[in-house]
Structure formats: C-alpha cells, structure tokens
Full PDB file with SEQRES, HELIX, SHEET, SSBOND, CRYST1, ORIGX, SCALE, CONECT and MASTER records, all heavy atoms in Angstrom:
SEQRES   1 A   42  GLY ALA THR GLN ASP THR VAL GLU GLU ALA GLY GLU GLN          
SEQRES   2 A   42  ALA ARG GLU ARG ALA GLN GLU ALA PHE ALA SER LEU ARG          
SEQRES   3 A   42  THR ASP ALA GLU ARG LEU VAL ASP GLU ILE GLN THR ASN          
SEQRES   4 A   42  ASN ALA PRO                                                  
HELIX    1 AA1 ALA A    2  ASN A   39  1                                  38    
CRYST1    1.000    1.000    1.000  90.00  90.00  90.00 P 1           1          
ORIGX1      1.000000  0.000000  0.000000        0.00000                         
ORIGX2      0.000000  1.000000  0.000000        0.00000                         
ORIGX3      0.000000  0.000000  1.000000        0.00000                         
SCALE1      1.000000  0.000000  0.000000        0.00000                         
SCALE2      0.000000  1.000000  0.000000        0.00000                         
SCALE3      0.000000  0.000000  1.000000        0.00000                         
ATOM      1  N   GLY A   1       0.818  -1.138   0.083  1.00  0.00           N  
ATOM      2  CA  GLY A   1      -0.008  -0.040   0.066  1.00  0.00           C  
ATOM      3  C   GLY A   1       0.884   1.323   0.030  1.00  0.00           C  
ATOM      4  O   GLY A   1       0.575   2.152  -0.729  1.00  0.00           O  
ATOM      5  N   ALA A   2       1.952   1.291   0.827  1.00  0.00           N  
ATOM      6  CA  ALA A   2       2.820   2.392   0.868  1.00  0.00           C  
ATOM      7  C   ALA A   2       3.570   2.489  -0.450  1.00  0.00           C  
ATOM      8  O   ALA A   2       3.840   3.708  -0.831  1.00  0.00           O  
ATOM      9  CB  ALA A   2       3.866   2.258   2.047  1.00  0.00           C  
ATOM     10  N   THR A   3       3.954   1.410  -1.107  1.00  0.00           N  
ATOM     11  CA  THR A   3       4.724   1.399  -2.371  1.00  0.00           C  
ATOM     12  C   THR A   3       3.777   2.008  -3.408  1.00  0.00           C  
ATOM     13  O   THR A   3       4.173   2.814  -4.183  1.00  0.00           O  
ATOM     14  CB  THR A   3       5.201  -0.005  -2.701  1.00  0.00           C  
ATOM     15  OG1 THR A   3       6.024  -0.503  -1.619  1.00  0.00           O  
ATOM     16  CG2 THR A   3       5.904   0.049  -4.002  1.00  0.00           C  
ATOM     17  N   GLN A   4       2.488   1.627  -3.390  1.00  0.00           N  
ATOM     18  CA  GLN A   4       1.487   2.137  -4.417  1.00  0.00           C  
ATOM     19  C   GLN A   4       1.369   3.750  -4.165  1.00  0.00           C  
ATOM     20  O   GLN A   4       1.261   4.408  -5.168  1.00  0.00           O  
ATOM     21  CB  GLN A   4       0.230   1.439  -4.235  1.00  0.00           C  
ATOM     22  CG  GLN A   4      -0.796   1.793  -5.261  1.00  0.00           C  
ATOM     23  CD  GLN A   4      -0.329   1.466  -6.642  1.00  0.00           C  
ATOM     24  OE1 GLN A   4       0.283   0.634  -6.927  1.00  0.00           O  
ATOM     25  NE2 GLN A   4      -0.762   2.330  -7.598  1.00  0.00           N  
ATOM     26  N   ASP A   5       1.278   4.006  -3.003  1.00  0.00           N  
ATOM     27  CA  ASP A   5       1.138   5.464  -2.665  1.00  0.00           C  
ATOM     28  C   ASP A   5       2.355   6.288  -3.156  1.00  0.00           C  
ATOM     29  O   ASP A   5       2.172   7.361  -3.659  1.00  0.00           O  
ATOM     30  CB  ASP A   5       0.994   5.780  -1.048  1.00  0.00           C  
ATOM     31  CG  ASP A   5      -0.357   5.291  -0.593  1.00  0.00           C  
ATOM     32  OD1 ASP A   5      -1.275   5.007  -1.361  1.00  0.00           O  
ATOM     33  OD2 ASP A   5      -0.571   5.213   0.696  1.00  0.00           O  
ATOM     34  N   THR A   6       3.499   5.644  -2.991  1.00  0.00           N  
ATOM     35  CA  THR A   6       4.695   6.299  -3.454  1.00  0.00           C  
ATOM     36  C   THR A   6       4.711   6.489  -4.976  1.00  0.00           C  
ATOM     37  O   THR A   6       5.031   7.515  -5.465  1.00  0.00           O  
ATOM     38  CB  THR A   6       6.018   5.595  -3.034  1.00  0.00           C  
ATOM     39  OG1 THR A   6       5.872   5.421  -1.521  1.00  0.00           O  
ATOM     40  CG2 THR A   6       7.209   6.274  -3.442  1.00  0.00           C  
ATOM     41  N   VAL A   7       4.284   5.486  -5.672  1.00  0.00           N  
ATOM     42  CA  VAL A   7       4.244   5.420  -7.097  1.00  0.00           C  
ATOM     43  C   VAL A   7       3.210   6.524  -7.550  1.00  0.00           C  
ATOM     44  O   VAL A   7       3.411   7.263  -8.439  1.00  0.00           O  
ATOM     45  CB  VAL A   7       3.828   4.020  -7.625  1.00  0.00           C  
ATOM     46  CG1 VAL A   7       3.448   4.118  -9.149  1.00  0.00           C  
ATOM     47  CG2 VAL A   7       5.033   3.014  -7.402  1.00  0.00           C  
ATOM     48  N   GLU A   8       2.049   6.567  -6.875  1.00  0.00           N  
ATOM     49  CA  GLU A   8       1.028   7.605  -7.303  1.00  0.00           C  
ATOM     50  C   GLU A   8       1.580   8.938  -6.996  1.00  0.00           C  
ATOM     51  O   GLU A   8       1.219   9.889  -7.705  1.00  0.00           O  
ATOM     52  CB  GLU A   8      -0.266   7.197  -6.552  1.00  0.00           C  
ATOM     53  CG  GLU A   8      -1.030   5.904  -6.976  1.00  0.00           C  
ATOM     54  CD  GLU A   8      -2.214   5.615  -6.252  1.00  0.00           C  
ATOM     55  OE1 GLU A   8      -2.692   6.392  -5.320  1.00  0.00           O  
ATOM     56  OE2 GLU A   8      -2.731   4.441  -6.398  1.00  0.00           O  
ATOM     57  N   GLU A   9       2.110   9.067  -5.815  1.00  0.00           N  
ATOM     58  CA  GLU A   9       2.715  10.450  -5.521  1.00  0.00           C  
ATOM     59  C   GLU A   9       3.649  10.932  -6.497  1.00  0.00           C  
ATOM     60  O   GLU A   9       3.690  12.078  -7.025  1.00  0.00           O  
ATOM     61  CB  GLU A   9       3.275  10.393  -4.158  1.00  0.00           C  
ATOM     62  CG  GLU A   9       3.677  11.736  -3.504  1.00  0.00           C  
ATOM     63  CD  GLU A   9       4.128  11.634  -2.154  1.00  0.00           C  
ATOM     64  OE1 GLU A   9       3.323  11.157  -1.298  1.00  0.00           O  
ATOM     65  OE2 GLU A   9       5.229  12.171  -1.840  1.00  0.00           O  
ATOM     66  N   ALA A  10       4.566   9.989  -7.020  1.00  0.00           N  
ATOM     67  CA  ALA A  10       5.520  10.344  -8.034  1.00  0.00           C  
ATOM     68  C   ALA A  10       4.886  10.702  -9.269  1.00  0.00           C  
ATOM     69  O   ALA A  10       5.263  11.571 -10.012  1.00  0.00           O  
ATOM     70  CB  ALA A  10       6.515   9.252  -8.141  1.00  0.00           C  
ATOM     71  N   GLY A  11       3.903   9.918  -9.756  1.00  0.00           N  
ATOM     72  CA  GLY A  11       3.138  10.218 -10.916  1.00  0.00           C  
ATOM     73  C   GLY A  11       2.427  11.673 -10.811  1.00  0.00           C  
ATOM     74  O   GLY A  11       2.463  12.386 -11.770  1.00  0.00           O  
ATOM     75  N   GLU A  12       1.868  11.900  -9.541  1.00  0.00           N  
ATOM     76  CA  GLU A  12       1.215  13.220  -9.448  1.00  0.00           C  
ATOM     77  C   GLU A  12       2.206  14.384  -9.508  1.00  0.00           C  
ATOM     78  O   GLU A  12       2.009  15.452 -10.130  1.00  0.00           O  
ATOM     79  CB  GLU A  12       0.443  13.170  -8.041  1.00  0.00           C  
ATOM     80  CG  GLU A  12      -0.284  14.558  -7.848  1.00  0.00           C  
ATOM     81  CD  GLU A  12      -1.320  14.823  -8.815  1.00  0.00           C  
ATOM     82  OE1 GLU A  12      -2.049  13.930  -9.354  1.00  0.00           O  
ATOM     83  OE2 GLU A  12      -1.556  15.960  -9.092  1.00  0.00           O  
ATOM     84  N   GLN A  13       3.408  14.165  -8.952  1.00  0.00           N  
ATOM     85  CA  GLN A  13       4.392  15.150  -9.058  1.00  0.00           C  
ATOM     86  C   GLN A  13       4.859  15.342 -10.421  1.00  0.00           C  
ATOM     87  O   GLN A  13       5.027  16.610 -10.877  1.00  0.00           O  
ATOM     88  CB  GLN A  13       5.664  14.823  -8.103  1.00  0.00           C  
ATOM     89  CG  GLN A  13       5.394  14.970  -6.638  1.00  0.00           C  
ATOM     90  CD  GLN A  13       6.594  14.265  -5.739  1.00  0.00           C  
ATOM     91  OE1 GLN A  13       7.455  13.682  -6.255  1.00  0.00           O  
ATOM     92  NE2 GLN A  13       6.499  14.675  -4.549  1.00  0.00           N  
ATOM     93  N   ALA A  14       5.032  14.382 -11.077  1.00  0.00           N  
ATOM     94  CA  ALA A  14       5.456  14.388 -12.616  1.00  0.00           C  
ATOM     95  C   ALA A  14       4.345  15.269 -13.341  1.00  0.00           C  
ATOM     96  O   ALA A  14       4.667  16.018 -14.213  1.00  0.00           O  
ATOM     97  CB  ALA A  14       5.571  13.029 -13.260  1.00  0.00           C  
ATOM     98  N   ARG A  15       3.113  14.923 -13.130  1.00  0.00           N  
ATOM     99  CA  ARG A  15       1.996  15.732 -13.777  1.00  0.00           C  
ATOM    100  C   ARG A  15       2.033  17.137 -13.345  1.00  0.00           C  
ATOM    101  O   ARG A  15       1.769  17.980 -14.216  1.00  0.00           O  
ATOM    102  CB  ARG A  15       0.595  15.107 -13.388  1.00  0.00           C  
ATOM    103  CG  ARG A  15       0.332  13.792 -14.203  1.00  0.00           C  
ATOM    104  CD  ARG A  15      -1.125  13.344 -14.032  1.00  0.00           C  
ATOM    105  NE  ARG A  15      -1.332  12.898 -12.593  1.00  0.00           N  
ATOM    106  CZ  ARG A  15      -1.047  11.673 -12.156  1.00  0.00           C  
ATOM    107  NH1 ARG A  15      -0.402  10.827 -12.828  1.00  0.00           N  
ATOM    108  NH2 ARG A  15      -1.244  11.251 -10.974  1.00  0.00           N  
ATOM    109  N   GLU A  16       2.229  17.443 -12.116  1.00  0.00           N  
ATOM    110  CA  GLU A  16       2.231  18.895 -11.612  1.00  0.00           C  
ATOM    111  C   GLU A  16       3.403  19.482 -12.352  1.00  0.00           C  
ATOM    112  O   GLU A  16       3.333  20.707 -12.801  1.00  0.00           O  
ATOM    113  CB  GLU A  16       2.389  18.904 -10.202  1.00  0.00           C  
ATOM    114  CG  GLU A  16       1.159  18.604  -9.479  1.00  0.00           C  
ATOM    115  CD  GLU A  16       1.298  18.646  -8.026  1.00  0.00           C  
ATOM    116  OE1 GLU A  16       2.330  18.982  -7.417  1.00  0.00           O  
ATOM    117  OE2 GLU A  16       0.421  18.084  -7.271  1.00  0.00           O  
ATOM    118  N   ARG A  17       4.676  18.963 -12.375  1.00  0.00           N  
ATOM    119  CA  ARG A  17       5.811  19.590 -13.008  1.00  0.00           C  
ATOM    120  C   ARG A  17       5.452  19.731 -14.592  1.00  0.00           C  
ATOM    121  O   ARG A  17       5.891  20.726 -15.116  1.00  0.00           O  
ATOM    122  CB  ARG A  17       7.058  18.586 -12.942  1.00  0.00           C  
ATOM    123  CG  ARG A  17       7.717  18.748 -11.622  1.00  0.00           C  
ATOM    124  CD  ARG A  17       9.135  18.054 -11.525  1.00  0.00           C  
ATOM    125  NE  ARG A  17       9.089  16.689 -11.969  1.00  0.00           N  
ATOM    126  CZ  ARG A  17       8.969  15.630 -11.085  1.00  0.00           C  
ATOM    127  NH1 ARG A  17       8.650  15.793  -9.849  1.00  0.00           N  
ATOM    128  NH2 ARG A  17       8.916  14.405 -11.730  1.00  0.00           N  
ATOM    129  N   ALA A  18       4.784  18.850 -15.136  1.00  0.00           N  
ATOM    130  CA  ALA A  18       4.421  18.992 -16.624  1.00  0.00           C  
ATOM    131  C   ALA A  18       3.506  20.151 -16.700  1.00  0.00           C  
ATOM    132  O   ALA A  18       3.677  20.950 -17.746  1.00  0.00           O  
ATOM    133  CB  ALA A  18       3.827  17.669 -17.292  1.00  0.00           C  
ATOM    134  N   GLN A  19       2.494  20.243 -15.946  1.00  0.00           N  
ATOM    135  CA  GLN A  19       1.544  21.338 -15.988  1.00  0.00           C  
ATOM    136  C   GLN A  19       2.280  22.806 -15.758  1.00  0.00           C  
ATOM    137  O   GLN A  19       1.971  23.650 -16.532  1.00  0.00           O  
ATOM    138  CB  GLN A  19       0.450  21.149 -14.984  1.00  0.00           C  
ATOM    139  CG  GLN A  19      -0.448  20.129 -15.424  1.00  0.00           C  
ATOM    140  CD  GLN A  19      -1.442  19.768 -14.091  1.00  0.00           C  
ATOM    141  OE1 GLN A  19      -1.173  19.976 -13.052  1.00  0.00           O  
ATOM    142  NE2 GLN A  19      -2.645  19.138 -14.556  1.00  0.00           N  
ATOM    143  N   GLU A  20       3.120  22.830 -14.872  1.00  0.00           N  
ATOM    144  CA  GLU A  20       3.907  23.965 -14.548  1.00  0.00           C  
ATOM    145  C   GLU A  20       4.766  24.347 -15.740  1.00  0.00           C  
ATOM    146  O   GLU A  20       4.882  25.516 -16.144  1.00  0.00           O  
ATOM    147  CB  GLU A  20       4.716  23.858 -13.375  1.00  0.00           C  
ATOM    148  CG  GLU A  20       3.899  23.880 -12.052  1.00  0.00           C  
ATOM    149  CD  GLU A  20       4.749  23.522 -10.840  1.00  0.00           C  
ATOM    150  OE1 GLU A  20       5.950  23.134 -10.873  1.00  0.00           O  
ATOM    151  OE2 GLU A  20       4.106  23.266  -9.604  1.00  0.00           O  
ATOM    152  N   ALA A  21       5.501  23.464 -16.409  1.00  0.00           N  
ATOM    153  CA  ALA A  21       6.400  23.534 -17.391  1.00  0.00           C  
ATOM    154  C   ALA A  21       5.492  23.975 -18.617  1.00  0.00           C  
ATOM    155  O   ALA A  21       5.883  24.990 -19.360  1.00  0.00           O  
ATOM    156  CB  ALA A  21       7.076  22.328 -17.852  1.00  0.00           C  
ATOM    157  N   PHE A  22       4.339  23.532 -18.822  1.00  0.00           N  
ATOM    158  CA  PHE A  22       3.559  23.964 -19.912  1.00  0.00           C  
ATOM    159  C   PHE A  22       3.045  25.365 -19.798  1.00  0.00           C  
ATOM    160  O   PHE A  22       2.961  26.215 -20.606  1.00  0.00           O  
ATOM    161  CB  PHE A  22       2.364  23.065 -20.169  1.00  0.00           C  
ATOM    162  CG  PHE A  22       1.774  23.243 -21.509  1.00  0.00           C  
ATOM    163  CD1 PHE A  22       2.238  22.815 -22.801  1.00  0.00           C  
ATOM    164  CD2 PHE A  22       0.586  24.022 -21.729  1.00  0.00           C  
ATOM    165  CE1 PHE A  22       1.808  23.153 -23.919  1.00  0.00           C  
ATOM    166  CE2 PHE A  22       0.028  24.433 -22.971  1.00  0.00           C  
ATOM    167  CZ  PHE A  22       0.755  23.939 -24.078  1.00  0.00           C  
ATOM    168  N   ALA A  23       2.632  25.748 -18.621  1.00  0.00           N  
ATOM    169  CA  ALA A  23       2.187  27.061 -18.256  1.00  0.00           C  
ATOM    170  C   ALA A  23       3.316  28.054 -18.569  1.00  0.00           C  
ATOM    171  O   ALA A  23       3.053  29.108 -19.068  1.00  0.00           O  
ATOM    172  CB  ALA A  23       1.741  27.141 -16.707  1.00  0.00           C  
ATOM    173  N   SER A  24       4.509  27.644 -18.224  1.00  0.00           N  
ATOM    174  CA  SER A  24       5.710  28.539 -18.431  1.00  0.00           C  
ATOM    175  C   SER A  24       5.892  28.623 -20.024  1.00  0.00           C  
ATOM    176  O   SER A  24       6.246  29.712 -20.529  1.00  0.00           O  
ATOM    177  CB  SER A  24       6.925  27.909 -17.821  1.00  0.00           C  
ATOM    178  OG  SER A  24       8.062  28.586 -18.118  1.00  0.00           O  
ATOM    179  N   LEU A  25       5.683  27.542 -20.721  1.00  0.00           N  
ATOM    180  CA  LEU A  25       5.877  27.609 -22.171  1.00  0.00           C  
ATOM    181  C   LEU A  25       4.890  28.496 -22.808  1.00  0.00           C  
ATOM    182  O   LEU A  25       5.144  29.336 -23.709  1.00  0.00           O  
ATOM    183  CB  LEU A  25       5.604  26.119 -22.840  1.00  0.00           C  
ATOM    184  CG  LEU A  25       5.651  26.041 -24.424  1.00  0.00           C  
ATOM    185  CD1 LEU A  25       6.898  26.551 -24.899  1.00  0.00           C  
ATOM    186  CD2 LEU A  25       5.320  24.639 -24.782  1.00  0.00           C  
ATOM    187  N   ARG A  26       3.651  28.409 -22.325  1.00  0.00           N  
ATOM    188  CA  ARG A  26       2.578  29.350 -22.806  1.00  0.00           C  
ATOM    189  C   ARG A  26       2.961  30.821 -22.708  1.00  0.00           C  
ATOM    190  O   ARG A  26       2.956  31.687 -23.576  1.00  0.00           O  
ATOM    191  CB  ARG A  26       1.306  29.183 -21.917  1.00  0.00           C  
ATOM    192  CG  ARG A  26       0.318  28.215 -22.597  1.00  0.00           C  
ATOM    193  CD  ARG A  26      -1.029  28.280 -21.918  1.00  0.00           C  
ATOM    194  NE  ARG A  26      -1.846  27.313 -22.546  1.00  0.00           N  
ATOM    195  CZ  ARG A  26      -2.477  26.450 -21.765  1.00  0.00           C  
ATOM    196  NH1 ARG A  26      -2.328  26.332 -20.490  1.00  0.00           N  
ATOM    197  NH2 ARG A  26      -3.067  25.543 -22.469  1.00  0.00           N  
ATOM    198  N   THR A  27       3.542  31.258 -21.564  1.00  0.00           N  
ATOM    199  CA  THR A  27       4.064  32.516 -21.230  1.00  0.00           C  
ATOM    200  C   THR A  27       5.170  32.861 -22.184  1.00  0.00           C  
ATOM    201  O   THR A  27       5.154  33.947 -22.765  1.00  0.00           O  
ATOM    202  CB  THR A  27       4.431  32.623 -19.817  1.00  0.00           C  
ATOM    203  OG1 THR A  27       3.311  32.428 -18.879  1.00  0.00           O  
ATOM    204  CG2 THR A  27       4.922  34.144 -19.487  1.00  0.00           C  
ATOM    205  N   ASP A  28       6.259  32.013 -22.246  1.00  0.00           N  
ATOM    206  CA  ASP A  28       7.342  32.161 -23.031  1.00  0.00           C  
ATOM    207  C   ASP A  28       6.899  32.318 -24.499  1.00  0.00           C  
ATOM    208  O   ASP A  28       7.508  33.160 -25.256  1.00  0.00           O  
ATOM    209  CB  ASP A  28       8.360  31.129 -22.962  1.00  0.00           C  
ATOM    210  CG  ASP A  28       9.039  31.144 -21.541  1.00  0.00           C  
ATOM    211  OD1 ASP A  28       8.948  32.232 -20.869  1.00  0.00           O  
ATOM    212  OD2 ASP A  28       9.705  30.160 -21.352  1.00  0.00           O  
ATOM    213  N   ALA A  29       5.916  31.492 -25.078  1.00  0.00           N  
ATOM    214  CA  ALA A  29       5.588  31.567 -26.369  1.00  0.00           C  
ATOM    215  C   ALA A  29       5.047  32.786 -26.737  1.00  0.00           C  
ATOM    216  O   ALA A  29       5.241  33.317 -27.901  1.00  0.00           O  
ATOM    217  CB  ALA A  29       4.597  30.370 -26.619  1.00  0.00           C  
ATOM    218  N   GLU A  30       4.232  33.413 -25.972  1.00  0.00           N  
ATOM    219  CA  GLU A  30       3.628  34.759 -26.243  1.00  0.00           C  
ATOM    220  C   GLU A  30       4.832  35.690 -26.550  1.00  0.00           C  
ATOM    221  O   GLU A  30       4.665  36.389 -27.599  1.00  0.00           O  
ATOM    222  CB  GLU A  30       2.859  35.172 -25.059  1.00  0.00           C  
ATOM    223  CG  GLU A  30       1.541  34.630 -24.804  1.00  0.00           C  
ATOM    224  CD  GLU A  30       0.507  34.882 -25.988  1.00  0.00           C  
ATOM    225  OE1 GLU A  30       0.474  36.003 -26.590  1.00  0.00           O  
ATOM    226  OE2 GLU A  30      -0.120  34.011 -26.394  1.00  0.00           O  
ATOM    227  N   ARG A  31       5.767  35.808 -25.766  1.00  0.00           N  
ATOM    228  CA  ARG A  31       6.865  36.720 -25.988  1.00  0.00           C  
ATOM    229  C   ARG A  31       7.746  36.272 -27.028  1.00  0.00           C  
ATOM    230  O   ARG A  31       8.137  37.262 -27.917  1.00  0.00           O  
ATOM    231  CB  ARG A  31       7.838  36.692 -24.609  1.00  0.00           C  
ATOM    232  CG  ARG A  31       8.930  37.452 -24.575  1.00  0.00           C  
ATOM    233  CD  ARG A  31       9.796  37.496 -23.382  1.00  0.00           C  
ATOM    234  NE  ARG A  31      10.218  36.092 -22.944  1.00  0.00           N  
ATOM    235  CZ  ARG A  31      11.129  35.404 -23.472  1.00  0.00           C  
ATOM    236  NH1 ARG A  31      11.947  35.964 -24.459  1.00  0.00           N  
ATOM    237  NH2 ARG A  31      11.445  34.234 -23.063  1.00  0.00           N  
ATOM    238  N   LEU A  32       8.086  35.041 -27.196  1.00  0.00           N  
ATOM    239  CA  LEU A  32       8.939  34.677 -28.267  1.00  0.00           C  
ATOM    240  C   LEU A  32       8.311  34.721 -29.748  1.00  0.00           C  
ATOM    241  O   LEU A  32       8.869  35.149 -30.683  1.00  0.00           O  
ATOM    242  CB  LEU A  32       9.410  33.132 -27.946  1.00  0.00           C  
ATOM    243  CG  LEU A  32      10.438  33.150 -26.829  1.00  0.00           C  
ATOM    244  CD1 LEU A  32      10.546  31.624 -26.398  1.00  0.00           C  
ATOM    245  CD2 LEU A  32      11.710  33.697 -27.199  1.00  0.00           C  
ATOM    246  N   VAL A  33       7.022  34.412 -29.768  1.00  0.00           N  
ATOM    247  CA  VAL A  33       6.297  34.449 -31.057  1.00  0.00           C  
ATOM    248  C   VAL A  33       6.130  36.066 -31.374  1.00  0.00           C  
ATOM    249  O   VAL A  33       6.418  36.355 -32.611  1.00  0.00           O  
ATOM    250  CB  VAL A  33       4.877  33.834 -31.007  1.00  0.00           C  
ATOM    251  CG1 VAL A  33       4.013  34.293 -32.217  1.00  0.00           C  
ATOM    252  CG2 VAL A  33       4.969  32.412 -30.908  1.00  0.00           C  
ATOM    253  N   ASP A  34       5.982  36.850 -30.512  1.00  0.00           N  
ATOM    254  CA  ASP A  34       6.011  38.239 -30.753  1.00  0.00           C  
ATOM    255  C   ASP A  34       7.365  38.730 -31.371  1.00  0.00           C  
ATOM    256  O   ASP A  34       7.404  39.449 -32.247  1.00  0.00           O  
ATOM    257  CB  ASP A  34       5.646  39.161 -29.501  1.00  0.00           C  
ATOM    258  CG  ASP A  34       4.159  39.182 -29.161  1.00  0.00           C  
ATOM    259  OD1 ASP A  34       3.336  38.860 -30.083  1.00  0.00           O  
ATOM    260  OD2 ASP A  34       3.896  39.591 -28.075  1.00  0.00           O  
ATOM    261  N   GLU A  35       8.379  38.296 -30.655  1.00  0.00           N  
ATOM    262  CA  GLU A  35       9.805  38.600 -31.172  1.00  0.00           C  
ATOM    263  C   GLU A  35      10.016  37.992 -32.593  1.00  0.00           C  
ATOM    264  O   GLU A  35      10.575  38.606 -33.368  1.00  0.00           O  
ATOM    265  CB  GLU A  35      10.770  38.049 -30.189  1.00  0.00           C  
ATOM    266  CG  GLU A  35      12.192  38.545 -30.361  1.00  0.00           C  
ATOM    267  CD  GLU A  35      13.075  38.106 -29.350  1.00  0.00           C  
ATOM    268  OE1 GLU A  35      12.710  37.940 -28.204  1.00  0.00           O  
ATOM    269  OE2 GLU A  35      14.281  37.899 -29.617  1.00  0.00           O  
ATOM    270  N   ILE A  36       9.535  36.854 -32.687  1.00  0.00           N  
ATOM    271  CA  ILE A  36       9.783  36.153 -34.029  1.00  0.00           C  
ATOM    272  C   ILE A  36       9.065  37.037 -35.175  1.00  0.00           C  
ATOM    273  O   ILE A  36       9.603  37.309 -36.282  1.00  0.00           O  
ATOM    274  CB  ILE A  36       9.277  34.638 -34.078  1.00  0.00           C  
ATOM    275  CG1 ILE A  36      10.041  33.774 -33.350  1.00  0.00           C  
ATOM    276  CG2 ILE A  36       9.161  34.195 -35.590  1.00  0.00           C  
ATOM    277  CD1 ILE A  36       9.481  32.501 -32.931  1.00  0.00           C  
ATOM    278  N   GLN A  37       7.731  37.349 -34.861  1.00  0.00           N  
ATOM    279  CA  GLN A  37       6.907  38.111 -35.825  1.00  0.00           C  
ATOM    280  C   GLN A  37       7.568  39.648 -36.088  1.00  0.00           C  
ATOM    281  O   GLN A  37       7.567  40.114 -37.073  1.00  0.00           O  
ATOM    282  CB  GLN A  37       5.536  38.097 -35.410  1.00  0.00           C  
ATOM    283  CG  GLN A  37       4.858  36.852 -35.524  1.00  0.00           C  
ATOM    284  CD  GLN A  37       3.442  36.873 -35.021  1.00  0.00           C  
ATOM    285  OE1 GLN A  37       3.149  37.392 -33.919  1.00  0.00           O  
ATOM    286  NE2 GLN A  37       2.509  36.376 -35.825  1.00  0.00           N  
ATOM    287  N   THR A  38       8.050  40.210 -34.965  1.00  0.00           N  
ATOM    288  CA  THR A  38       8.474  41.575 -35.104  1.00  0.00           C  
ATOM    289  C   THR A  38       9.791  41.703 -35.755  1.00  0.00           C  
ATOM    290  O   THR A  38      10.081  42.542 -36.577  1.00  0.00           O  
ATOM    291  CB  THR A  38       8.436  42.172 -33.708  1.00  0.00           C  
ATOM    292  OG1 THR A  38       7.189  42.074 -33.015  1.00  0.00           O  
ATOM    293  CG2 THR A  38       8.911  43.633 -33.734  1.00  0.00           C  
ATOM    294  N   ASN A  39      10.705  40.718 -35.362  1.00  0.00           N  
ATOM    295  CA  ASN A  39      12.126  40.858 -35.840  1.00  0.00           C  
ATOM    296  C   ASN A  39      12.515  39.731 -36.660  1.00  0.00           C  
ATOM    297  O   ASN A  39      13.747  39.745 -36.966  1.00  0.00           O  
ATOM    298  CB  ASN A  39      12.955  40.928 -34.486  1.00  0.00           C  
ATOM    299  CG  ASN A  39      12.617  41.965 -33.470  1.00  0.00           C  
ATOM    300  OD1 ASN A  39      12.327  43.010 -33.974  1.00  0.00           O  
ATOM    301  ND2 ASN A  39      12.638  41.713 -32.345  1.00  0.00           N  
ATOM    302  N   ASN A  40      11.558  38.800 -37.060  1.00  0.00           N  
ATOM    303  CA  ASN A  40      12.124  37.648 -37.772  1.00  0.00           C  
ATOM    304  C   ASN A  40      13.287  36.998 -37.307  1.00  0.00           C  
ATOM    305  O   ASN A  40      14.263  36.766 -37.867  1.00  0.00           O  
ATOM    306  CB  ASN A  40      12.346  38.068 -39.355  1.00  0.00           C  
ATOM    307  CG  ASN A  40      11.150  38.462 -40.044  1.00  0.00           C  
ATOM    308  OD1 ASN A  40      10.030  38.131 -39.663  1.00  0.00           O  
ATOM    309  ND2 ASN A  40      11.309  39.198 -41.074  1.00  0.00           N  
ATOM    310  N   ALA A  41      13.282  36.865 -35.944  1.00  0.00           N  
ATOM    311  CA  ALA A  41      14.322  36.427 -35.105  1.00  0.00           C  
ATOM    312  C   ALA A  41      14.586  35.001 -34.983  1.00  0.00           C  
ATOM    313  O   ALA A  41      13.814  34.201 -34.331  1.00  0.00           O  
ATOM    314  CB  ALA A  41      14.260  37.003 -33.623  1.00  0.00           C  
ATOM    315  N   PRO A  42      15.566  34.279 -35.793  1.00  0.00           N  
ATOM    316  CA  PRO A  42      15.760  32.969 -35.728  1.00  0.00           C  
ATOM    317  C   PRO A  42      16.208  32.443 -34.276  1.00  0.00           C  
ATOM    318  O   PRO A  42      15.824  31.342 -34.035  1.00  0.00           O  
ATOM    319  CB  PRO A  42      17.043  32.765 -36.664  1.00  0.00           C  
ATOM    320  CG  PRO A  42      17.015  34.070 -37.451  1.00  0.00           C  
ATOM    321  CD  PRO A  42      16.417  35.157 -36.675  1.00  0.00           C  
TER     322      PRO A  42                                                      
MASTER        0    0    0    1    0    0    0    6  321    1    0    4          
END                                                                             
C-alpha cells in the first residue's frame, strides 16, 4: 500500500511539473512569437 502510494505520488508530482512547465511555455511562447513576428528572429 505504501509502495503504491509512493508510485501515485511520484506520478502526481510528474503531472504537476508537466503542467507548470507547460504554463511556463505558454508565457514564453507569447513573448517569443511576438519577437519572431516583429524581428524575424531565428
């Protein structure tokens, strides 16, 4: 039971990290796409 809880907790932490990383990508994408469109910045 404790092992299963640990596995589920690790999975939940991975999901939370993925959600946080994607939220950060959304924010960065706004800025970077603006820069690409404004400056044709490779």
